[in-house]
C-alpha atoms as a PDB file:
ATOM      1  CA  UNK A   1     -32.244  14.972  49.875  1.00  0.00           C
ATOM      2  CA  UNK A   2     -35.618  16.667  49.195  1.00  0.00           C
ATOM      3  CA  UNK A   3     -38.357  14.534  47.584  1.00  0.00           C
ATOM      4  CA  UNK A   4     -39.193  15.531  44.064  1.00  0.00           C
ATOM      5  CA  UNK A   5     -42.731  16.579  43.056  1.00  0.00           C
ATOM      6  CA  UNK A   6     -44.843  16.620  39.975  1.00  0.00           C
ATOM      7  CA  UNK A   7     -48.242  18.414  39.973  1.00  0.00           C
ATOM      8  CA  UNK A   8     -51.268  17.778  37.675  1.00  0.00           C
ATOM      9  CA  UNK A   9     -54.361  20.019  37.521  1.00  0.00           C
ATOM     10  CA  UNK A  10     -52.279  22.528  39.491  1.00  0.00           C
ATOM     11  CA  UNK A  11     -54.569  25.581  39.440  1.00  0.00           C
ATOM     12  CA  UNK A  12     -52.864  28.491  41.133  1.00  0.00           C
ATOM     13  CA  UNK A  13     -50.852  26.091  43.299  1.00  0.00           C
ATOM     14  CA  UNK A  14     -52.746  25.823  46.568  1.00  0.00           C
ATOM     15  CA  UNK A  15     -51.817  22.199  47.061  1.00  0.00           C
ATOM     16  CA  UNK A  16     -48.307  22.952  45.829  1.00  0.00           C
ATOM     17  CA  UNK A  17     -47.833  25.622  48.378  1.00  0.00           C
ATOM     18  CA  UNK A  18     -48.354  23.009  51.064  1.00  0.00           C
ATOM     19  CA  UNK A  19     -45.751  20.652  49.601  1.00  0.00           C
ATOM     20  CA  UNK A  20     -43.317  23.589  49.174  1.00  0.00           C
ATOM     21  CA  UNK A  21     -43.653  24.449  52.835  1.00  0.00           C
ATOM     22  CA  UNK A  22     -42.924  20.737  53.624  1.00  0.00           C
ATOM     23  CA  UNK A  23     -39.634  20.960  51.748  1.00  0.00           C
ATOM     24  CA  UNK A  24     -40.360  19.195  48.400  1.00  0.00           C
ATOM     25  CA  UNK A  25     -38.448  20.035  45.206  1.00  0.00           C
ATOM     26  CA  UNK A  26     -40.793  20.912  42.222  1.00  0.00           C
ATOM     27  CA  UNK A  27     -39.879  19.413  38.852  1.00  0.00           C
ATOM     28  CA  UNK A  28     -42.949  20.090  36.763  1.00  0.00           C
ATOM     29  CA  UNK A  29     -46.619  21.050  36.925  1.00  0.00           C
ATOM     30  CA  UNK A  30     -49.587  21.137  34.510  1.00  0.00           C
ATOM     31  CA  UNK A  31     -52.506  23.571  34.205  1.00  0.00           C
ATOM     32  CA  UNK A  32     -54.617  24.212  31.217  1.00  0.00           C
ATOM     33  CA  UNK A  33     -56.373  27.516  32.209  1.00  0.00           C
ATOM     34  CA  UNK A  34     -54.009  30.393  31.100  1.00  0.00           C
ATOM     35  CA  UNK A  35     -55.095  32.631  33.939  1.00  0.00           C
ATOM     36  CA  UNK A  36     -54.384  30.099  36.672  1.00  0.00           C
ATOM     37  CA  UNK A  37     -51.212  29.005  34.819  1.00  0.00           C
ATOM     38  CA  UNK A  38     -50.103  32.655  34.815  1.00  0.00           C
ATOM     39  CA  UNK A  39     -50.503  32.763  38.644  1.00  0.00           C
ATOM     40  CA  UNK A  40     -48.584  29.572  39.022  1.00  0.00           C
ATOM     41  CA  UNK A  41     -45.724  30.875  36.820  1.00  0.00           C
ATOM     42  CA  UNK A  42     -45.640  34.054  38.780  1.00  0.00           C
ATOM     43  CA  UNK A  43     -44.750  32.114  41.967  1.00  0.00           C
ATOM     44  CA  UNK A  44     -42.740  29.270  40.464  1.00  0.00           C
ATOM     45  CA  UNK A  45     -41.046  30.730  37.363  1.00  0.00           C
ATOM     46  CA  UNK A  46     -38.456  27.950  37.048  1.00  0.00           C
ATOM     47  CA  UNK A  47     -40.801  25.019  37.214  1.00  0.00           C
ATOM     48  CA  UNK A  48     -41.649  23.493  33.830  1.00  0.00           C
ATOM     49  CA  UNK A  49     -45.343  24.083  33.304  1.00  0.00           C
ATOM     50  CA  UNK A  50     -47.329  21.877  30.909  1.00  0.00           C
ATOM     51  CA  UNK A  51     -50.722  22.939  29.551  1.00  0.00           C
ATOM     52  CA  UNK A  52     -52.693  20.026  28.416  1.00  0.00           C
ATOM     53  CA  UNK A  53     -52.569  16.823  30.438  1.00  0.00           C
ATOM     54  CA  UNK A  54     -53.807  14.740  27.543  1.00  0.00           C
ATOM     55  CA  UNK A  55     -50.734  15.707  25.490  1.00  0.00           C
ATOM     56  CA  UNK A  56     -48.216  14.719  28.198  1.00  0.00           C
ATOM     57  CA  UNK A  57     -46.281  11.565  27.553  1.00  0.00           C
ATOM     58  CA  UNK A  58     -44.774   9.690  30.547  1.00  0.00           C
ATOM     59  CA  UNK A  59     -41.562   8.848  28.748  1.00  0.00           C
ATOM     60  CA  UNK A  60     -40.865  12.501  28.049  1.00  0.00           C
ATOM     61  CA  UNK A  61     -41.675  13.700  31.639  1.00  0.00           C
ATOM     62  CA  UNK A  62     -39.012  13.915  34.342  1.00  0.00           C
ATOM     63  CA  UNK A  63     -39.493  11.121  36.936  1.00  0.00           C
ATOM     64  CA  UNK A  64     -40.527  12.260  40.402  1.00  0.00           C
ATOM     65  CA  UNK A  65     -41.049  10.723  43.861  1.00  0.00           C
ATOM     66  CA  UNK A  66     -44.579  12.153  44.330  1.00  0.00           C
ATOM     67  CA  UNK A  67     -47.304  13.178  41.974  1.00  0.00           C
ATOM     68  CA  UNK A  68     -50.209  15.232  43.307  1.00  0.00           C
ATOM     69  CA  UNK A  69     -53.427  15.582  41.332  1.00  0.00           C
ATOM     70  CA  UNK A  70     -56.657  17.388  42.225  1.00  0.00           C
ATOM     71  CA  UNK A  71     -58.574  16.202  39.217  1.00  0.00           C
ATOM     72  CA  UNK A  72     -61.627  18.388  38.249  1.00  0.00           C
ATOM     73  CA  UNK A  73     -64.618  17.847  40.430  1.00  0.00           C
ATOM     74  CA  UNK A  74     -67.272  19.421  38.139  1.00  0.00           C
ATOM     75  CA  UNK A  75     -68.984  16.114  37.255  1.00  0.00           C
ATOM     76  CA  UNK A  76     -69.037  14.757  40.799  1.00  0.00           C
ATOM     77  CA  UNK A  77     -69.611  17.726  43.062  1.00  0.00           C
ATOM     78  CA  UNK A  78     -72.946  18.069  44.763  1.00  0.00           C
ATOM     79  CA  UNK A  79     -72.871  21.619  43.373  1.00  0.00           C
ATOM     80  CA  UNK A  80     -72.394  20.280  39.823  1.00  0.00           C
ATOM     81  CA  UNK A  81     -74.403  18.185  37.397  1.00  0.00           C
ATOM     82  CA  UNK A  82     -73.021  14.871  38.808  1.00  0.00           C
ATOM     83  CA  UNK A  83     -72.687  13.192  35.427  1.00  0.00           C
ATOM     84  CA  UNK A  84     -69.996  10.948  36.995  1.00  0.00           C
ATOM     85  CA  UNK A  85     -66.329  10.230  36.663  1.00  0.00           C
ATOM     86  CA  UNK A  86     -66.673   7.981  33.622  1.00  0.00           C
ATOM     87  CA  UNK A  87     -69.220   9.987  31.610  1.00  0.00           C
ATOM     88  CA  UNK A  88     -68.092  13.488  32.706  1.00  0.00           C
ATOM     89  CA  UNK A  89     -65.690  15.247  30.360  1.00  0.00           C
ATOM     90  CA  UNK A  90     -63.850  17.055  33.097  1.00  0.00           C
ATOM     91  CA  UNK A  91     -63.810  14.625  36.010  1.00  0.00           C
ATOM     92  CA  UNK A  92     -62.979  11.914  33.464  1.00  0.00           C
ATOM     93  CA  UNK A  93     -59.492  13.469  33.239  1.00  0.00           C
ATOM     94  CA  UNK A  94     -58.745  11.297  36.194  1.00  0.00           C
ATOM     95  CA  UNK A  95     -57.910   8.607  33.650  1.00  0.00           C
ATOM     96  CA  UNK A  96     -55.301  10.885  32.096  1.00  0.00           C
ATOM     97  CA  UNK A  97     -53.635  11.219  35.548  1.00  0.00           C
ATOM     98  CA  UNK A  98     -53.894   7.462  35.880  1.00  0.00           C
ATOM     99  CA  UNK A  99     -52.103   7.033  32.487  1.00  0.00           C
ATOM    100  CA  UNK A 100     -49.202   9.212  33.702  1.00  0.00           C
ATOM    101  CA  UNK A 101     -48.971   7.567  37.090  1.00  0.00           C
ATOM    102  CA  UNK A 102     -48.754   4.164  35.410  1.00  0.00           C
ATOM    103  CA  UNK A 103     -45.965   5.430  33.120  1.00  0.00           C
ATOM    104  CA  UNK A 104     -43.947   7.408  35.645  1.00  0.00           C
ATOM    105  CA  UNK A 105     -44.364   5.131  38.658  1.00  0.00           C
ATOM    106  CA  UNK A 106     -43.947   7.610  41.494  1.00  0.00           C
ATOM    107  CA  UNK A 107     -43.452   6.279  44.991  1.00  0.00           C
ATOM    108  CA  UNK A 108     -46.599   8.193  46.051  1.00  0.00           C
ATOM    109  CA  UNK A 109     -49.575   9.571  44.108  1.00  0.00           C
ATOM    110  CA  UNK A 110     -51.953  11.730  46.062  1.00  0.00           C
ATOM    111  CA  UNK A 111     -55.302  13.013  44.857  1.00  0.00           C
ATOM    112  CA  UNK A 112     -57.718  15.610  46.295  1.00  0.00           C
ATOM    113  CA  UNK A 113     -61.334  15.968  45.496  1.00  0.00           C
ATOM    114  CA  UNK A 114     -64.707  17.108  46.826  1.00  0.00           C
ATOM    115  CA  UNK A 115     -66.515  15.220  49.581  1.00  0.00           C
ATOM    116  CA  UNK A 116     -69.136  14.279  46.950  1.00  0.00           C
ATOM    117  CA  UNK A 117     -66.693  11.885  45.352  1.00  0.00           C
ATOM    118  CA  UNK A 118     -67.676   9.369  48.045  1.00  0.00           C
ATOM    119  CA  UNK A 119     -71.393   9.480  47.076  1.00  0.00           C
ATOM    120  CA  UNK A 120     -71.275  10.194  43.372  1.00  0.00           C
ATOM    121  CA  UNK A 121     -73.315   7.525  41.519  1.00  0.00           C
ATOM    122  CA  UNK A 122     -74.089   5.896  44.815  1.00  0.00           C
ATOM    123  CA  UNK A 123     -70.452   5.419  45.590  1.00  0.00           C
ATOM    124  CA  UNK A 124     -69.564   3.718  42.281  1.00  0.00           C
ATOM    125  CA  UNK A 125     -67.339   6.518  41.096  1.00  0.00           C
ATOM    126  CA  UNK A 126     -65.128   6.275  44.146  1.00  0.00           C
ATOM    127  CA  UNK A 127     -64.933   2.486  43.617  1.00  0.00           C
ATOM    128  CA  UNK A 128     -63.819   3.131  39.992  1.00  0.00           C
ATOM    129  CA  UNK A 129     -60.994   5.357  41.288  1.00  0.00           C
ATOM    130  CA  UNK A 130     -59.751   2.798  43.832  1.00  0.00           C
ATOM    131  CA  UNK A 131     -60.148  -0.100  41.323  1.00  0.00           C
ATOM    132  CA  UNK A 132     -58.262   1.633  38.541  1.00  0.00           C
ATOM    133  CA  UNK A 133     -55.356   2.471  40.863  1.00  0.00           C
ATOM    134  CA  UNK A 134     -55.312  -1.109  42.069  1.00  0.00           C
ATOM    135  CA  UNK A 135     -55.165  -2.384  38.417  1.00  0.00           C
ATOM    136  CA  UNK A 136     -51.980  -0.456  37.775  1.00  0.00           C
ATOM    137  CA  UNK A 137     -50.457  -1.807  41.012  1.00  0.00           C
ATOM    138  CA  UNK A 138     -51.152   0.966  43.508  1.00  0.00           C
ATOM    139  CA  UNK A 139     -52.682   0.414  47.009  1.00  0.00           C
ATOM    140  CA  UNK A 140     -54.658   3.409  48.211  1.00  0.00           C
ATOM    141  CA  UNK A 141     -55.800   4.787  51.556  1.00  0.00           C
ATOM    142  CA  UNK A 142     -58.058   7.773  51.903  1.00  0.00           C
ATOM    143  CA  UNK A 143     -59.144  10.324  54.503  1.00  0.00           C
ATOM    144  CA  UNK A 144     -61.641  13.124  54.742  1.00  0.00           C
ATOM    145  CA  UNK A 145     -60.216  16.366  56.195  1.00  0.00           C
ATOM    146  CA  UNK A 146     -61.930  19.744  56.913  1.00  0.00           C
ATOM    147  CA  UNK A 147     -59.974  22.991  56.403  1.00  0.00           C
ATOM    148  CA  UNK A 148     -61.338  24.464  59.720  1.00  0.00           C
ATOM    149  CA  UNK A 149     -59.247  21.803  61.591  1.00  0.00           C
ATOM    150  CA  UNK A 150     -56.155  23.527  60.301  1.00  0.00           C
ATOM    151  CA  UNK A 151     -56.362  27.129  61.513  1.00  0.00           C
ATOM    152  CA  UNK A 152     -58.527  28.645  58.800  1.00  0.00           C
ATOM    153  CA  UNK A 153     -62.091  29.690  59.365  1.00  0.00           C
ATOM    154  CA  UNK A 154     -63.668  27.843  56.463  1.00  0.00           C
ATOM    155  CA  UNK A 155     -65.740  24.664  56.469  1.00  0.00           C
ATOM    156  CA  UNK A 156     -64.242  22.751  53.576  1.00  0.00           C
ATOM    157  CA  UNK A 157     -64.397  19.001  53.609  1.00  0.00           C
ATOM    158  CA  UNK A 158     -62.193  17.298  51.023  1.00  0.00           C
ATOM    159  CA  UNK A 159     -61.290  13.692  50.269  1.00  0.00           C
ATOM    160  CA  UNK A 160     -57.565  12.881  49.983  1.00  0.00           C
ATOM    161  CA  UNK A 161     -56.310   9.600  48.593  1.00  0.00           C
ATOM    162  CA  UNK A 162     -52.697   8.473  49.029  1.00  0.00           C
ATOM    163  CA  UNK A 163     -51.469   5.672  46.777  1.00  0.00           C
ATOM    164  CA  UNK A 164     -48.219   3.649  46.740  1.00  0.00           C
ATOM    165  CA  UNK A 165     -46.957   0.831  44.526  1.00  0.00           C
ATOM    166  CA  UNK A 166     -47.529  -2.638  45.855  1.00  0.00           C
ATOM    167  CA  UNK A 167     -43.716  -3.015  45.731  1.00  0.00           C
ATOM    168  CA  UNK A 168     -43.489  -0.384  48.567  1.00  0.00           C
ATOM    169  CA  UNK A 169     -44.664  -2.947  51.092  1.00  0.00           C
ATOM    170  CA  UNK A 170     -46.351  -1.543  54.160  1.00  0.00           C
ATOM    171  CA  UNK A 171     -45.964   2.037  53.089  1.00  0.00           C
ATOM    172  CA  UNK A 172     -49.680   2.924  52.663  1.00  0.00           C
ATOM    173  CA  UNK A 173     -50.387   1.179  55.993  1.00  0.00           C
ATOM    174  CA  UNK A 174     -47.818   3.244  57.834  1.00  0.00           C
ATOM    175  CA  UNK A 175     -49.046   6.493  56.345  1.00  0.00           C
ATOM    176  CA  UNK A 176     -52.675   5.473  57.316  1.00  0.00           C
ATOM    177  CA  UNK A 177     -51.573   4.691  60.882  1.00  0.00           C
ATOM    178  CA  UNK A 178     -49.750   8.007  61.202  1.00  0.00           C
ATOM    179  CA  UNK A 179     -52.743   9.904  59.824  1.00  0.00           C
ATOM    180  CA  UNK A 180     -55.117   8.094  62.192  1.00  0.00           C
ATOM    181  CA  UNK A 181     -52.991   8.992  65.185  1.00  0.00           C
ATOM    182  CA  UNK A 182     -52.626  12.593  64.302  1.00  0.00           C
ATOM    183  CA  UNK A 183     -56.216  13.168  63.110  1.00  0.00           C
ATOM    184  CA  UNK A 184     -57.585  11.628  66.317  1.00  0.00           C
ATOM    185  CA  UNK A 185     -55.924  14.324  68.359  1.00  0.00           C
ATOM    186  CA  UNK A 186     -56.875  17.183  66.064  1.00  0.00           C
ATOM    187  CA  UNK A 187     -59.330  19.797  67.392  1.00  0.00           C
ATOM    188  CA  UNK A 188     -62.647  19.726  65.486  1.00  0.00           C
ATOM    189  CA  UNK A 189     -63.529  23.425  65.893  1.00  0.00           C
ATOM    190  CA  UNK A 190     -62.196  26.866  65.186  1.00  0.00           C
ATOM    191  CA  UNK A 191     -62.063  30.234  66.932  1.00  0.00           C
ATOM    192  CA  UNK A 192     -65.269  31.940  68.026  1.00  0.00           C
ATOM    193  CA  UNK A 193     -64.131  35.056  66.270  1.00  0.00           C
ATOM    194  CA  UNK A 194     -61.574  36.138  63.708  1.00  0.00           C
ATOM    195  CA  UNK A 195     -59.859  38.778  65.902  1.00  0.00           C
ATOM    196  CA  UNK A 196     -56.507  37.039  66.098  1.00  0.00           C
ATOM    197  CA  UNK A 197     -56.862  36.276  69.843  1.00  0.00           C
ATOM    198  CA  UNK A 198     -57.013  32.548  69.151  1.00  0.00           C
ATOM    199  CA  UNK A 199     -55.210  30.048  66.930  1.00  0.00           C
ATOM    200  CA  UNK A 200     -57.184  30.603  63.737  1.00  0.00           C
ATOM    201  CA  UNK A 201     -55.925  33.378  61.571  1.00  0.00           C
ATOM    202  CA  UNK A 202     -57.986  36.580  61.301  1.00  0.00           C
ATOM    203  CA  UNK A 203     -59.588  37.567  58.044  1.00  0.00           C
ATOM    204  CA  UNK A 204     -58.483  41.079  58.774  1.00  0.00           C
ATOM    205  CA  UNK A 205     -54.992  41.555  60.129  1.00  0.00           C
ATOM    206  CA  UNK A 206     -54.635  38.791  62.607  1.00  0.00           C
ATOM    207  CA  UNK A 207     -54.251  41.317  65.373  1.00  0.00           C
ATOM    208  CA  UNK A 208     -56.461  43.267  67.768  1.00  0.00           C
ATOM    209  CA  UNK A 209     -59.292  42.379  70.116  1.00  0.00           C
ATOM    210  CA  UNK A 210     -62.890  42.059  69.201  1.00  0.00           C
ATOM    211  CA  UNK A 211     -65.117  44.604  70.872  1.00  0.00           C
ATOM    212  CA  UNK A 212     -68.294  42.670  70.057  1.00  0.00           C
ATOM    213  CA  UNK A 213     -69.436  39.079  70.146  1.00  0.00           C
ATOM    214  CA  UNK A 214     -70.432  39.351  66.425  1.00  0.00           C
ATOM    215  CA  UNK A 215     -67.444  41.305  65.097  1.00  0.00           C
ATOM    216  CA  UNK A 216     -65.501  39.194  62.692  1.00  0.00           C
ATOM    217  CA  UNK A 217     -68.322  36.713  62.341  1.00  0.00           C
ATOM    218  CA  UNK A 218     -69.282  35.121  59.034  1.00  0.00           C
ATOM    219  CA  UNK A 219     -72.669  36.013  57.739  1.00  0.00           C
ATOM    220  CA  UNK A 220     -74.314  32.780  56.574  1.00  0.00           C
ATOM    221  CA  UNK A 221     -77.602  31.742  54.999  1.00  0.00           C
ATOM    222  CA  UNK A 222     -79.421  28.489  54.703  1.00  0.00           C
ATOM    223  CA  UNK A 223     -82.946  27.536  53.629  1.00  0.00           C
ATOM    224  CA  UNK A 224     -83.688  26.107  57.085  1.00  0.00           C
ATOM    225  CA  UNK A 225     -82.174  28.831  59.308  1.00  0.00           C
ATOM    226  CA  UNK A 226     -82.345  31.878  57.178  1.00  0.00           C
ATOM    227  CA  UNK A 227     -79.613  34.533  57.851  1.00  0.00           C
ATOM    228  CA  UNK A 228     -77.331  33.935  60.792  1.00  0.00           C
ATOM    229  CA  UNK A 229     -73.840  34.438  62.117  1.00  0.00           C
ATOM    230  CA  UNK A 230     -71.185  31.715  62.312  1.00  0.00           C
ATOM    231  CA  UNK A 231     -67.622  31.115  63.422  1.00  0.00           C
ATOM    232  CA  UNK A 232     -66.443  30.087  59.919  1.00  0.00           C
ATOM    233  CA  UNK A 233     -67.528  30.537  56.308  1.00  0.00           C
ATOM    234  CA  UNK A 234     -69.218  28.057  54.043  1.00  0.00           C
ATOM    235  CA  UNK A 235     -66.971  26.384  51.515  1.00  0.00           C
ATOM    236  CA  UNK A 236     -65.518  28.970  49.086  1.00  0.00           C
ATOM    237  CA  UNK A 237     -67.131  28.333  45.702  1.00  0.00           C
ATOM    238  CA  UNK A 238     -66.226  29.194  42.106  1.00  0.00           C
ATOM    239  CA  UNK A 239     -69.287  31.310  41.649  1.00  0.00           C
ATOM    240  CA  UNK A 240     -70.677  34.116  43.669  1.00  0.00           C
ATOM    241  CA  UNK A 241     -73.011  37.029  43.032  1.00  0.00           C
ATOM    242  CA  UNK A 242     -75.099  35.118  40.555  1.00  0.00           C
ATOM    243  CA  UNK A 243     -78.795  34.506  41.082  1.00  0.00           C
ATOM    244  CA  UNK A 244     -79.234  32.149  44.016  1.00  0.00           C
ATOM    245  CA  UNK A 245     -75.564  32.096  44.947  1.00  0.00           C
ATOM    246  CA  UNK A 246     -74.857  35.212  46.885  1.00  0.00           C
ATOM    247  CA  UNK A 247     -71.456  36.172  48.232  1.00  0.00           C
ATOM    248  CA  UNK A 248     -69.520  35.062  51.237  1.00  0.00           C
ATOM    249  CA  UNK A 249     -69.927  37.890  53.721  1.00  0.00           C
ATOM    250  CA  UNK A 250     -68.506  39.074  57.072  1.00  0.00           C
ATOM    251  CA  UNK A 251     -69.625  41.352  59.899  1.00  0.00           C
ATOM    252  CA  UNK A 252     -66.996  44.039  60.449  1.00  0.00           C
ATOM    253  CA  UNK A 253     -66.647  47.404  62.218  1.00  0.00           C
ATOM    254  CA  UNK A 254     -66.998  50.636  60.246  1.00  0.00           C
ATOM    255  CA  UNK A 255     -66.552  53.583  62.608  1.00  0.00           C
ATOM    256  CA  UNK A 256     -68.904  52.962  65.520  1.00  0.00           C
ATOM    257  CA  UNK A 257     -71.161  50.747  63.446  1.00  0.00           C
ATOM    258  CA  UNK A 258     -70.966  47.056  62.549  1.00  0.00           C
ATOM    259  CA  UNK A 259     -71.715  46.411  58.855  1.00  0.00           C
ATOM    260  CA  UNK A 260     -72.071  43.397  56.658  1.00  0.00           C
ATOM    261  CA  UNK A 261     -69.906  43.234  53.512  1.00  0.00           C
ATOM    262  CA  UNK A 262     -68.760  40.591  51.065  1.00  0.00           C
ATOM    263  CA  UNK A 263     -65.343  39.089  51.508  1.00  0.00           C
ATOM    264  CA  UNK A 264     -62.374  40.652  49.707  1.00  0.00           C
ATOM    265  CA  UNK A 265     -60.158  38.532  47.522  1.00  0.00           C
ATOM    266  CA  UNK A 266     -57.314  38.745  49.996  1.00  0.00           C
ATOM    267  CA  UNK A 267     -59.595  37.385  52.706  1.00  0.00           C
ATOM    268  CA  UNK A 268     -60.632  34.479  50.446  1.00  0.00           C
ATOM    269  CA  UNK A 269     -56.916  33.703  50.065  1.00  0.00           C
ATOM    270  CA  UNK A 270     -56.410  33.734  53.790  1.00  0.00           C
ATOM    271  CA  UNK A 271     -59.360  31.303  54.198  1.00  0.00           C
ATOM    272  CA  UNK A 272     -57.325  28.979  51.972  1.00  0.00           C
ATOM    273  CA  UNK A 273     -54.154  29.504  53.953  1.00  0.00           C
ATOM    274  CA  UNK A 274     -52.418  31.177  51.056  1.00  0.00           C
ATOM    275  CA  UNK A 275     -50.123  34.214  51.198  1.00  0.00           C
ATOM    276  CA  UNK A 276     -51.807  37.593  50.871  1.00  0.00           C
ATOM    277  CA  UNK A 277     -52.310  38.645  47.220  1.00  0.00           C
ATOM    278  CA  UNK A 278     -51.271  35.238  45.954  1.00  0.00           C
ATOM    279  CA  UNK A 279     -53.805  35.614  43.069  1.00  0.00           C
ATOM    280  CA  UNK A 280     -53.367  39.354  42.434  1.00  0.00           C
ATOM    281  CA  UNK A 281     -51.042  39.176  39.458  1.00  0.00           C
ATOM    282  CA  UNK A 282     -50.519  36.634  36.728  1.00  0.00           C
ATOM    283  CA  UNK A 283     -47.742  36.311  34.129  1.00  0.00           C
ATOM    284  CA  UNK A 284     -48.802  36.584  30.510  1.00  0.00           C
ATOM    285  CA  UNK A 285     -47.984  33.233  28.865  1.00  0.00           C
ATOM    286  CA  UNK A 286     -47.801  31.753  25.394  1.00  0.00           C
ATOM    287  CA  UNK A 287     -47.797  28.103  24.426  1.00  0.00           C
ATOM    288  CA  UNK A 288     -44.857  26.265  22.880  1.00  0.00           C
ATOM    289  CA  UNK A 289     -45.308  22.541  22.250  1.00  0.00           C
ATOM    290  CA  UNK A 290     -47.635  22.130  25.261  1.00  0.00           C
ATOM    291  CA  UNK A 291     -45.394  24.087  27.623  1.00  0.00           C
ATOM    292  CA  UNK A 292     -46.247  27.520  28.918  1.00  0.00           C
ATOM    293  CA  UNK A 293     -43.619  30.181  28.311  1.00  0.00           C
ATOM    294  CA  UNK A 294     -43.421  33.558  29.995  1.00  0.00           C
ATOM    295  CA  UNK A 295     -43.826  36.677  27.727  1.00  0.00           C
ATOM    296  CA  UNK A 296     -42.006  38.743  30.322  1.00  0.00           C
ATOM    297  CA  UNK A 297     -44.994  40.846  31.418  1.00  0.00           C
ATOM    298  CA  UNK A 298     -47.749  40.570  34.009  1.00  0.00           C
ATOM    299  CA  UNK A 299     -51.429  41.532  34.375  1.00  0.00           C
ATOM    300  CA  UNK A 300     -53.565  42.320  37.274  1.00  0.00           C
ATOM    301  CA  UNK A 301     -56.488  39.962  37.832  1.00  0.00           C
ATOM    302  CA  UNK A 302     -60.145  40.888  38.255  1.00  0.00           C
ATOM    303  CA  UNK A 303     -61.713  40.118  41.666  1.00  0.00           C
ATOM    304  CA  UNK A 304     -64.121  37.662  40.001  1.00  0.00           C
ATOM    305  CA  UNK A 305     -61.150  35.692  38.668  1.00  0.00           C
ATOM    306  CA  UNK A 306     -59.467  35.695  42.044  1.00  0.00           C
ATOM    307  CA  UNK A 307     -62.601  34.447  43.853  1.00  0.00           C
ATOM    308  CA  UNK A 308     -63.098  31.642  41.279  1.00  0.00           C
ATOM    309  CA  UNK A 309     -59.442  30.566  41.756  1.00  0.00           C
ATOM    310  CA  UNK A 310     -59.869  30.531  45.544  1.00  0.00           C
ATOM    311  CA  UNK A 311     -63.037  28.469  45.147  1.00  0.00           C
ATOM    312  CA  UNK A 312     -61.239  26.001  42.966  1.00  0.00           C
ATOM    313  CA  UNK A 313     -58.141  25.702  45.147  1.00  0.00           C
ATOM    314  CA  UNK A 314     -56.798  23.571  47.901  1.00  0.00           C
ATOM    315  CA  UNK A 315     -56.325  24.740  51.446  1.00  0.00           C
ATOM    316  CA  UNK A 316     -52.537  24.844  51.821  1.00  0.00           C
ATOM    317  CA  UNK A 317     -52.201  23.884  55.520  1.00  0.00           C
ATOM    318  CA  UNK A 318     -54.099  20.720  54.858  1.00  0.00           C
ATOM    319  CA  UNK A 319     -51.787  19.834  52.006  1.00  0.00           C
ATOM    320  CA  UNK A 320     -48.724  20.709  54.133  1.00  0.00           C
ATOM    321  CA  UNK A 321     -50.042  18.321  56.932  1.00  0.00           C
ATOM    322  CA  UNK A 322     -50.256  15.444  54.522  1.00  0.00           C
ATOM    323  CA  UNK A 323     -46.994  16.268  52.755  1.00  0.00           C
ATOM    324  CA  UNK A 324     -45.031  16.118  55.988  1.00  0.00           C
ATOM    325  CA  UNK A 325     -46.493  12.769  56.848  1.00  0.00           C
ATOM    326  CA  UNK A 326     -45.620  11.365  53.461  1.00  0.00           C
ATOM    327  CA  UNK A 327     -42.114  12.844  53.520  1.00  0.00           C
ATOM    328  CA  UNK A 328     -41.474  11.317  56.943  1.00  0.00           C
ATOM    329  CA  UNK A 329     -42.514   7.854  55.883  1.00  0.00           C
ATOM    330  CA  UNK A 330     -40.677   7.911  52.612  1.00  0.00           C
ATOM    331  CA  UNK A 331     -37.439   9.158  54.250  1.00  0.00           C
ATOM    332  CA  UNK A 332     -37.661   6.701  57.124  1.00  0.00           C
ATOM    333  CA  UNK A 333     -37.933   3.875  54.583  1.00  0.00           C
ATOM    334  CA  UNK A 334     -34.710   4.902  52.932  1.00  0.00           C
ATOM    335  CA  UNK A 335     -32.716   4.767  56.203  1.00  0.00           C
END
């Protein structure tokens, strides 16, 4: 029987896509932003979609085997103001997830967050996360994974924490051992180009042969090195085009010339391992007692909205990798 899943801070469902590919059965999700919720509803119309996590009550939510929660990173990201998990209004929503985990008691709770979680407030924020989970009876292991290890040409380091109740003796240790074995054998680089001739997926069509060493290269910029070409993009971000931010760019053929242009939304989706045009259309929703309902019409999204959603999202192949390990260990324990 498929493991059941609940999703908090779901966004447009990047993490959920990975769990879907791993065979999980979705029971409910939660996303406050109406645009992101509209994307989620477009792809999972039958999943109950809550709006405000602070209004969810554990006793009224369907029990599930696994809860995933990518709580907001605004207050702990190196790109943010770093006010911290306890003082920050957005990252402090971790405690709402904690409240629901304590009430629902899933067999596994998995969080995702920025690499900066490890260093925020000199590491104290991460200690708060681990300590709070321990106080409600959950043991936690964590691992840092980079999206470019999973066949997408994006450098995106993220921290994943996997927690299990103390009553599930040895479960966290088995998951940690399985992750260690697999991650040790994982390649730590990506293709030299995005032509489709190697394992990493092309930003373009995934087919064809590059006629130049720089075709399909990412155009990068740093204060130390200036402009240069790379094999993968920097981490996709919410912003872009604003003063000092710039856009992700790529070097591509145009006739007999090679030109530099900014990424297209569909390319940003591919860098997250999402299906093409995953964020193109959203359902128009209305709220009914903290649950989103479909108004039976859809809207096309602006490119800026799509880029922001990609920047906020989780790389699906990474989530799928973790979901399969968790599923294997949970199912083996039942036998």
